[in-house]
Every structure is written in C-alpha cells, then in structure tokens.
Amino acid sequence: MHYTQRLKELREDHDQKQESIALELNITRQQYQLYESGKRKLPIDLLIKLCKYYNVSSDYILGFTNEQQTKWNIKNNININYGKVEMK
C-alpha cells in the first residue's frame, strides 16, 4: 500500500478533515492535500509528527507492515561496530 493511501485512511478512520491535520502539522490544507494526493513527497519531519499524532509506526504509514505498532523484541546482545552488526 502506498503511504498516500495510508494517510487518507488514517485521517478518515479518525474522523478528521484535511484542515485539522494541516493545523496539527502547522501547514496549510493545500500543502497537506499535496502530500495526501502524492503530488508532493512527505518530509520526514511531518512523517514523525503524523506517527505521533496517530500513535502508529512509520513502517505502518509507509506501507512496510499492516501492524500499526511495531513490536520490538531484542533477544540477543547486539553490537553495531562501524555499520556492521555483531551478535554476541
């Protein structure tokens, strides 16, 4: 699913209008409409604000998962050394 569809779905599921989401993001309704329609790419800072507003993960908005919340479970000790992951 493309993130523009997720943006619209989330907004409609929360019974919000584009104007109210734009106010939350401190942008105009016209700017938000461009992001939701895919005519302009959504900046990372606005993605973060939308994740916090809707209480969902960025993976959900971006369409990488259908789970709204990411469930992290670290079972091993992991070191990251200059970009290389080492399992202990």
N, C-alpha and C. Protein backbone atom coordinates (compact mmCIF):
# COMPACT_ATOMS: atom_id res chain seq x y z
N MET A 1 0.85 -1.18 0.00
CA MET A 1 0.00 0.00 0.00
C MET A 1 0.89 1.24 0.00
N HIS A 2 0.56 2.22 -0.80
CA HIS A 2 1.32 3.46 -0.87
C HIS A 2 0.98 4.34 0.33
N TYR A 3 1.97 5.08 0.80
CA TYR A 3 1.76 5.88 2.00
C TYR A 3 0.66 6.92 1.85
N THR A 4 0.40 7.37 0.63
CA THR A 4 -0.67 8.36 0.45
C THR A 4 -2.03 7.77 0.80
N GLN A 5 -2.21 6.49 0.47
CA GLN A 5 -3.46 5.81 0.84
C GLN A 5 -3.57 5.68 2.35
N ARG A 6 -2.44 5.37 3.01
CA ARG A 6 -2.45 5.23 4.46
C ARG A 6 -2.78 6.56 5.13
N LEU A 7 -2.24 7.66 4.59
CA LEU A 7 -2.52 8.97 5.18
C LEU A 7 -4.02 9.26 5.14
N LYS A 8 -4.62 9.00 4.00
CA LYS A 8 -6.05 9.25 3.85
C LYS A 8 -6.86 8.32 4.76
N GLU A 9 -6.48 7.03 4.78
CA GLU A 9 -7.18 6.06 5.63
C GLU A 9 -7.12 6.46 7.10
N LEU A 10 -5.93 6.80 7.56
CA LEU A 10 -5.77 7.20 8.97
C LEU A 10 -6.62 8.42 9.29
N ARG A 11 -6.57 9.41 8.41
CA ARG A 11 -7.34 10.63 8.64
C ARG A 11 -8.84 10.31 8.70
N GLU A 12 -9.32 9.53 7.76
CA GLU A 12 -10.75 9.20 7.73
C GLU A 12 -11.15 8.31 8.91
N ASP A 13 -10.28 7.36 9.29
CA ASP A 13 -10.57 6.50 10.43
C ASP A 13 -10.66 7.28 11.74
N HIS A 14 -9.99 8.42 11.79
CA HIS A 14 -10.03 9.27 12.98
C HIS A 14 -11.03 10.42 12.83
N ASP A 15 -11.87 10.31 11.80
CA ASP A 15 -12.92 11.31 11.53
C ASP A 15 -12.37 12.74 11.51
N GLN A 16 -11.27 12.89 10.79
CA GLN A 16 -10.64 14.21 10.68
C GLN A 16 -10.72 14.72 9.26
N LYS A 17 -10.70 16.02 9.12
CA LYS A 17 -10.65 16.66 7.81
C LYS A 17 -9.21 17.07 7.54
N GLN A 18 -8.89 17.30 6.28
CA GLN A 18 -7.55 17.72 5.93
C GLN A 18 -7.14 18.99 6.68
N GLU A 19 -8.09 19.89 6.91
CA GLU A 19 -7.80 21.13 7.61
C GLU A 19 -7.27 20.88 9.01
N SER A 20 -7.88 19.94 9.73
CA SER A 20 -7.47 19.69 11.11
C SER A 20 -6.09 19.04 11.17
N ILE A 21 -5.78 18.15 10.22
CA ILE A 21 -4.46 17.53 10.19
C ILE A 21 -3.42 18.58 9.82
N ALA A 22 -3.74 19.43 8.88
CA ALA A 22 -2.83 20.51 8.48
C ALA A 22 -2.52 21.41 9.68
N LEU A 23 -3.52 21.71 10.48
CA LEU A 23 -3.29 22.52 11.69
C LEU A 23 -2.33 21.83 12.64
N GLU A 24 -2.48 20.53 12.82
CA GLU A 24 -1.58 19.76 13.69
C GLU A 24 -0.15 19.81 13.18
N LEU A 25 0.00 19.83 11.85
CA LEU A 25 1.33 19.84 11.24
C LEU A 25 1.87 21.24 11.04
N ASN A 26 1.05 22.25 11.34
CA ASN A 26 1.42 23.66 11.17
C ASN A 26 1.72 23.99 9.71
N ILE A 27 0.86 23.47 8.82
CA ILE A 27 0.95 23.76 7.38
C ILE A 27 -0.46 24.11 6.90
N THR A 28 -0.57 24.51 5.65
CA THR A 28 -1.88 24.82 5.09
C THR A 28 -2.59 23.54 4.65
N ARG A 29 -3.90 23.62 4.50
CA ARG A 29 -4.66 22.48 4.00
C ARG A 29 -4.19 22.12 2.60
N GLN A 30 -3.87 23.13 1.79
CA GLN A 30 -3.42 22.89 0.43
C GLN A 30 -2.11 22.10 0.42
N GLN A 31 -1.19 22.45 1.34
CA GLN A 31 0.06 21.70 1.42
C GLN A 31 -0.22 20.25 1.81
N TYR A 32 -1.07 20.06 2.82
CA TYR A 32 -1.38 18.70 3.25
C TYR A 32 -2.02 17.90 2.12
N GLN A 33 -2.91 18.53 1.38
CA GLN A 33 -3.59 17.86 0.27
C GLN A 33 -2.57 17.37 -0.76
N LEU A 34 -1.53 18.15 -0.99
CA LEU A 34 -0.48 17.73 -1.93
C LEU A 34 0.25 16.49 -1.43
N TYR A 35 0.48 16.39 -0.12
CA TYR A 35 1.13 15.20 0.45
C TYR A 35 0.20 13.99 0.36
N GLU A 36 -1.06 14.20 0.70
CA GLU A 36 -2.02 13.08 0.70
C GLU A 36 -2.31 12.59 -0.71
N SER A 37 -2.26 13.48 -1.69
CA SER A 37 -2.53 13.07 -3.08
C SER A 37 -1.29 12.52 -3.77
N GLY A 38 -0.11 12.68 -3.14
CA GLY A 38 1.12 12.20 -3.74
C GLY A 38 1.75 13.16 -4.73
N LYS A 39 1.22 14.37 -4.82
CA LYS A 39 1.79 15.36 -5.73
C LYS A 39 3.05 16.00 -5.17
N ARG A 40 3.24 15.83 -3.86
CA ARG A 40 4.47 16.29 -3.21
C ARG A 40 4.87 15.23 -2.20
N LYS A 41 6.18 14.98 -2.10
CA LYS A 41 6.68 13.96 -1.18
C LYS A 41 6.59 14.46 0.26
N LEU A 42 6.21 13.55 1.14
CA LEU A 42 6.06 13.87 2.56
C LEU A 42 7.43 13.96 3.22
N PRO A 43 7.76 15.11 3.81
CA PRO A 43 9.05 15.24 4.50
C PRO A 43 9.09 14.40 5.78
N ILE A 44 10.29 13.98 6.15
CA ILE A 44 10.48 13.14 7.33
C ILE A 44 9.92 13.80 8.59
N ASP A 45 10.14 15.10 8.77
CA ASP A 45 9.66 15.75 9.99
C ASP A 45 8.14 15.67 10.11
N LEU A 46 7.44 15.74 8.99
CA LEU A 46 5.98 15.62 9.03
C LEU A 46 5.56 14.17 9.24
N LEU A 47 6.32 13.23 8.69
CA LEU A 47 6.05 11.81 8.93
C LEU A 47 6.13 11.52 10.43
N ILE A 48 7.15 12.04 11.07
CA ILE A 48 7.32 11.83 12.50
C ILE A 48 6.15 12.41 13.28
N LYS A 49 5.73 13.62 12.92
CA LYS A 49 4.58 14.25 13.59
C LYS A 49 3.32 13.43 13.40
N LEU A 50 3.11 12.89 12.18
CA LEU A 50 1.92 12.08 11.91
C LEU A 50 1.96 10.77 12.70
N CYS A 51 3.12 10.17 12.82
CA CYS A 51 3.26 8.95 13.62
C CYS A 51 2.87 9.21 15.07
N LYS A 52 3.33 10.32 15.61
CA LYS A 52 3.00 10.68 16.99
C LYS A 52 1.51 11.01 17.12
N TYR A 53 0.99 11.75 16.15
CA TYR A 53 -0.43 12.15 16.21
C TYR A 53 -1.35 10.93 16.18
N TYR A 54 -1.08 10.01 15.26
CA TYR A 54 -1.93 8.83 15.12
C TYR A 54 -1.50 7.66 16.01
N ASN A 55 -0.34 7.80 16.65
CA ASN A 55 0.22 6.75 17.50
C ASN A 55 0.42 5.45 16.71
N VAL A 56 1.08 5.59 15.57
CA VAL A 56 1.40 4.44 14.72
C VAL A 56 2.88 4.52 14.35
N SER A 57 3.42 3.41 13.85
CA SER A 57 4.81 3.38 13.43
C SER A 57 4.95 3.98 12.03
N SER A 58 6.16 4.43 11.73
CA SER A 58 6.43 4.92 10.39
C SER A 58 6.34 3.79 9.37
N ASP A 59 6.71 2.57 9.79
CA ASP A 59 6.58 1.42 8.89
C ASP A 59 5.13 1.21 8.46
N TYR A 60 4.20 1.48 9.36
CA TYR A 60 2.78 1.34 9.03
C TYR A 60 2.37 2.39 7.99
N ILE A 61 2.72 3.64 8.25
CA ILE A 61 2.35 4.70 7.31
C ILE A 61 3.00 4.46 5.95
N LEU A 62 4.25 4.02 5.96
CA LEU A 62 4.96 3.81 4.70
C LEU A 62 4.56 2.54 3.97
N GLY A 63 3.75 1.70 4.61
CA GLY A 63 3.23 0.51 3.95
C GLY A 63 4.12 -0.71 4.04
N PHE A 64 5.13 -0.68 4.93
CA PHE A 64 6.00 -1.84 5.10
C PHE A 64 5.36 -2.93 5.95
N THR A 65 4.35 -2.56 6.72
CA THR A 65 3.65 -3.52 7.56
C THR A 65 2.19 -3.10 7.68
N ASN A 66 1.36 -4.05 8.03
CA ASN A 66 -0.05 -3.75 8.29
C ASN A 66 -0.32 -3.63 9.79
N GLU A 67 0.72 -3.82 10.59
CA GLU A 67 0.61 -3.66 12.05
C GLU A 67 0.86 -2.20 12.39
N GLN A 68 -0.09 -1.58 13.08
CA GLN A 68 0.07 -0.17 13.39
C GLN A 68 1.21 0.11 14.37
N GLN A 69 1.48 -0.83 15.27
CA GLN A 69 2.55 -0.67 16.24
C GLN A 69 3.64 -1.70 15.97
N THR A 70 4.88 -1.25 15.95
CA THR A 70 6.00 -2.17 15.80
C THR A 70 6.27 -2.81 17.15
N LYS A 71 6.42 -4.10 17.14
CA LYS A 71 6.71 -4.83 18.37
C LYS A 71 8.18 -5.24 18.33
N TRP A 72 8.98 -4.56 19.12
CA TRP A 72 10.42 -4.86 19.18
C TRP A 72 10.67 -5.86 20.29
N ASN A 73 11.46 -6.84 19.99
CA ASN A 73 11.81 -7.85 20.98
C ASN A 73 13.28 -8.22 20.75
N ILE A 74 14.15 -7.69 21.58
CA ILE A 74 15.57 -7.97 21.44
C ILE A 74 15.91 -9.16 22.32
N LYS A 75 16.35 -10.24 21.70
CA LYS A 75 16.63 -11.47 22.43
C LYS A 75 18.11 -11.68 22.66
N ASN A 76 18.95 -11.03 21.87
CA ASN A 76 20.39 -11.22 21.96
C ASN A 76 21.07 -9.88 22.21
N ASN A 77 22.26 -9.96 22.72
CA ASN A 77 23.08 -8.75 22.80
C ASN A 77 23.63 -8.48 21.41
N ILE A 78 23.51 -7.25 20.97
CA ILE A 78 23.95 -6.90 19.63
C ILE A 78 24.89 -5.70 19.73
N ASN A 79 26.01 -5.77 19.05
CA ASN A 79 26.92 -4.65 18.94
C ASN A 79 26.89 -4.16 17.51
N ILE A 80 26.89 -2.87 17.32
CA ILE A 80 27.00 -2.30 16.00
C ILE A 80 28.35 -1.59 15.95
N ASN A 81 29.23 -2.09 15.10
CA ASN A 81 30.59 -1.60 15.03
C ASN A 81 30.86 -1.10 13.61
N TYR A 82 30.90 0.20 13.44
CA TYR A 82 31.12 0.81 12.13
C TYR A 82 30.16 0.27 11.08
N GLY A 83 28.89 0.19 11.43
CA GLY A 83 27.86 -0.24 10.49
C GLY A 83 27.70 -1.73 10.37
N LYS A 84 28.55 -2.51 11.04
CA LYS A 84 28.45 -3.97 10.99
C LYS A 84 27.78 -4.47 12.28
N VAL A 85 26.80 -5.31 12.12
CA VAL A 85 26.09 -5.86 13.28
C VAL A 85 26.79 -7.13 13.72
N GLU A 86 27.13 -7.19 15.00
CA GLU A 86 27.78 -8.38 15.54
C GLU A 86 26.90 -8.96 16.65
N MET A 87 26.56 -10.21 16.52
CA MET A 87 25.75 -10.89 17.54
C MET A 87 26.67 -11.49 18.59
N LYS A 88 26.31 -11.36 19.84
CA LYS A 88 27.09 -11.97 20.92
C LYS A 88 26.47 -13.24 21.38
